[in-house]
Amino acid sequence: MSVSVLVTARRLTAAAAVAAAAVGAVALPAAAADHSPRGAADRVAISHVQYDSLGRGERSNRSLNREWVEITNNSRRDVNLGGWTLSDEAGRTYTFRNFWLDGRATVRVHTGLGQDTRTDLYQGRRYEVWDDAADTATLRNDRGRFMDAVSWGDHHRYADDHHRYGDDHRRYDHRYDGDRS
């Protein structure tokens, strides 16, 4: 083999290695940006539910605001929750107004009246929403697509991952089922 063929082969090999490294450097950050196993689908999820307001039958605003659902943005990017909904099994629905949830942040959605802030939103209801015995909190995006749900009580509509929250250790289920309809 001549020297010029060897030099040309080495140059092509070096060029291919540089090209592969450049493509890898560009593709790696894009793939590493989302550490979630389900990708974009569970960037925003229900992270906790306090369904027992600790004042059974009490309808004071203070008692109502002890009943809440926490929504967490697990991504690094801010998400506009405007038009998203949070509902119970009876169909009572809270629709988020133009609210931006910061990356890696959580907002608590209270049942009663109050002044909305970056960390607390208020549904403005005068009656409890979440049934203490059994219920399901469902989160849907602004297109009506299922994002997450948490169930508790005597029945479990979503029975994959069982979690215990709070000091009372009541069991409720948390599941993303991938419904994209």
Protein backbone atom coordinates (compact mmCIF):
# COMPACT_ATOMS: atom_id res chain seq x y z
CA MET A 1 0.00 0.00 0.00
CA SER A 2 1.33 3.42 -0.86
CA VAL A 3 2.02 6.07 1.74
CA SER A 4 -0.56 8.44 0.23
CA VAL A 5 -3.33 5.82 0.60
CA LEU A 6 -2.42 5.30 4.27
CA VAL A 7 -2.40 9.06 4.92
CA THR A 8 -5.79 9.41 3.18
CA ALA A 9 -7.23 6.52 5.22
CA ARG A 10 -5.96 8.06 8.47
CA ARG A 11 -7.43 11.45 7.55
CA LEU A 12 -10.82 9.88 6.76
CA THR A 13 -10.76 7.94 10.03
CA ALA A 14 -9.85 11.08 11.97
CA ALA A 15 -12.57 13.09 10.19
CA ALA A 16 -15.15 10.39 10.98
CA ALA A 17 -14.10 10.37 14.66
CA VAL A 18 -14.37 14.17 14.87
CA ALA A 19 -17.80 14.08 13.20
CA ALA A 20 -19.03 11.37 15.59
CA ALA A 21 -17.76 13.34 18.59
CA ALA A 22 -19.50 16.50 17.35
CA VAL A 23 -22.81 14.68 16.84
CA GLY A 24 -22.47 13.05 20.26
CA ALA A 25 -21.75 16.38 21.93
CA VAL A 26 -24.87 17.90 20.42
CA ALA A 27 -27.15 14.90 21.05
CA LEU A 28 -26.03 14.17 24.61
CA PRO A 29 -27.37 17.35 26.24
CA ALA A 30 -30.72 16.90 24.51
CA ALA A 31 -31.06 13.35 25.80
CA ALA A 32 -29.74 14.20 29.27
CA ALA A 33 -32.07 17.17 29.68
CA ASP A 34 -35.00 15.00 30.67
CA HIS A 35 -34.12 12.58 33.46
CA SER A 36 -37.70 11.42 33.83
CA PRO A 37 -38.32 7.80 32.80
CA ARG A 38 -41.54 8.79 31.09
CA GLY A 39 -40.26 11.95 29.47
CA ALA A 40 -42.51 14.95 29.06
CA ALA A 41 -45.59 13.11 30.26
CA ASP A 42 -44.76 13.32 33.93
CA ARG A 43 -42.99 16.62 34.17
CA VAL A 44 -45.98 17.86 36.13
CA ALA A 45 -47.63 15.47 38.57
CA ILE A 46 -49.68 15.26 41.74
CA SER A 47 -47.11 14.92 44.50
CA HIS A 48 -49.30 14.88 47.63
CA VAL A 49 -52.94 15.02 48.69
CA GLN A 50 -54.30 16.14 52.06
CA TYR A 51 -57.91 15.00 51.75
CA ASP A 52 -58.88 14.98 55.42
CA SER A 53 -59.14 18.60 56.55
CA LEU A 54 -58.88 17.47 60.18
CA GLY A 55 -62.17 19.14 61.00
CA ARG A 56 -64.85 16.68 59.93
CA GLY A 57 -68.05 18.46 59.09
CA GLU A 58 -66.48 21.82 59.80
CA ARG A 59 -67.00 24.21 56.91
CA SER A 60 -64.87 27.11 58.04
CA ASN A 61 -62.51 28.55 55.46
CA ARG A 62 -59.60 27.54 57.69
CA SER A 63 -60.77 23.92 57.66
CA LEU A 64 -61.37 23.99 53.89
CA ASN A 65 -57.85 25.27 53.30
CA ARG A 66 -56.41 22.36 55.28
CA GLU A 67 -57.67 20.22 52.38
CA TRP A 68 -55.27 20.50 49.42
CA VAL A 69 -53.49 18.87 46.51
CA GLU A 70 -49.84 19.54 45.69
CA ILE A 71 -48.79 19.73 42.04
CA THR A 72 -45.05 19.44 41.34
CA ASN A 73 -43.12 20.39 38.22
CA ASN A 74 -40.32 17.80 38.06
CA SER A 75 -38.62 19.42 35.07
CA ARG A 76 -36.20 22.33 35.03
CA ARG A 77 -38.45 24.37 32.74
CA ASP A 78 -41.37 26.54 33.81
CA VAL A 79 -44.79 25.20 32.78
CA ASN A 80 -47.92 27.27 32.13
CA LEU A 81 -50.77 25.48 33.90
CA GLY A 82 -53.34 27.83 32.36
CA GLY A 83 -56.33 25.73 31.31
CA TRP A 84 -55.20 22.61 33.20
CA THR A 85 -57.78 20.97 35.45
CA LEU A 86 -57.81 19.20 38.79
CA SER A 87 -60.96 17.17 39.48
CA ASP A 88 -62.47 14.64 41.86
CA GLU A 89 -64.58 11.57 41.06
CA ALA A 90 -67.82 13.52 41.47
CA GLY A 91 -66.77 15.85 38.65
CA ARG A 92 -65.97 18.92 40.76
CA THR A 93 -63.28 20.62 38.72
CA TYR A 94 -60.81 23.40 39.40
CA THR A 95 -59.39 25.06 36.28
CA PHE A 96 -56.02 26.74 36.61
CA ARG A 97 -55.94 30.30 35.37
CA ASN A 98 -52.80 31.64 33.70
CA PHE A 99 -50.39 30.25 36.31
CA TRP A 100 -46.74 29.48 35.64
CA LEU A 101 -45.24 26.73 37.79
CA ASP A 102 -41.50 27.20 38.03
CA GLY A 103 -39.14 24.35 37.27
CA ARG A 104 -38.56 22.02 40.24
CA ALA A 105 -41.35 23.83 42.14
CA THR A 106 -44.57 22.79 43.86
CA VAL A 107 -47.87 24.60 44.22
CA ARG A 108 -50.52 23.69 46.79
CA VAL A 109 -54.13 23.96 45.57
CA HIS A 110 -56.39 24.62 48.58
CA THR A 111 -60.14 24.04 48.57
CA GLY A 112 -61.28 27.26 50.30
CA LEU A 113 -60.88 30.98 49.74
CA GLY A 114 -57.57 32.84 49.79
CA GLN A 115 -55.13 35.06 47.93
CA ASP A 116 -53.25 33.16 45.19
CA THR A 117 -49.45 33.21 45.44
CA ARG A 118 -46.59 31.40 43.68
CA THR A 119 -46.83 28.53 46.17
CA ASP A 120 -50.55 28.46 47.06
CA LEU A 121 -53.68 28.60 44.91
CA TYR A 122 -57.29 28.65 46.15
CA GLN A 123 -60.33 27.06 44.52
CA GLY A 124 -62.73 29.43 46.28
CA ARG A 125 -65.15 26.70 47.39
CA ARG A 126 -67.37 26.74 50.45
CA TYR A 127 -67.62 22.92 50.76
CA GLU A 128 -65.10 20.10 50.91
CA VAL A 129 -64.07 18.59 47.57
CA TRP A 130 -62.05 15.52 48.47
CA ASP A 131 -63.98 12.63 50.04
CA ASP A 132 -62.22 11.35 53.17
CA ALA A 133 -63.40 7.76 52.68
CA ALA A 134 -62.43 7.27 49.01
CA ASP A 135 -61.78 9.53 46.06
CA THR A 136 -59.44 10.18 43.13
CA ALA A 137 -57.70 13.46 42.28
CA THR A 138 -57.11 13.70 38.52
CA LEU A 139 -54.85 16.19 36.74
CA ARG A 140 -55.37 16.96 33.04
CA ASN A 141 -53.51 19.38 30.81
CA ASP A 142 -55.07 22.24 28.83
CA ARG A 143 -55.98 19.82 26.01
CA GLY A 144 -57.82 17.52 28.40
CA ARG A 145 -55.13 14.86 28.28
CA PHE A 146 -54.63 12.74 31.40
CA MET A 147 -51.43 13.67 33.22
CA ASP A 148 -51.70 12.03 36.65
CA ALA A 149 -54.11 10.71 39.28
CA VAL A 150 -54.01 9.80 42.95
CA SER A 151 -56.61 7.53 44.58
CA TRP A 152 -57.20 6.68 48.24
CA GLY A 153 -59.66 4.91 50.48
CA ASP A 154 -61.66 1.72 50.17
CA HIS A 155 -61.20 1.45 46.40
CA HIS A 156 -58.18 2.03 44.26
CA ARG A 157 -58.84 2.86 40.63
CA TYR A 158 -55.10 3.10 40.02
CA ALA A 159 -53.39 0.23 41.81
CA ASP A 160 -49.78 0.08 40.60
CA ASP A 161 -47.59 2.09 42.95
CA HIS A 162 -48.76 2.24 46.57
CA HIS A 163 -47.49 5.23 48.54
CA ARG A 164 -48.00 6.36 52.09
CA TYR A 165 -47.98 10.06 52.88
CA GLY A 166 -48.20 12.04 56.07
CA ASP A 167 -48.16 10.91 59.67
CA ASP A 168 -51.48 9.09 59.50
CA HIS A 169 -50.12 6.54 56.96
CA ARG A 170 -53.35 6.31 54.99
CA ARG A 171 -52.72 4.46 51.78
CA TYR A 172 -53.43 5.95 48.42
CA ASP A 173 -52.31 5.11 44.96
CA HIS A 174 -50.46 7.24 42.48
CA ARG A 175 -50.26 6.25 38.85
CA TYR A 176 -49.59 7.67 35.44
CA ASP A 177 -51.37 5.53 32.88
CA GLY A 178 -50.17 7.17 29.68
CA ASP A 179 -53.66 7.98 28.34
CA ARG A 180 -52.98 10.55 25.65
CA SER A 181 -56.44 10.81 24.17
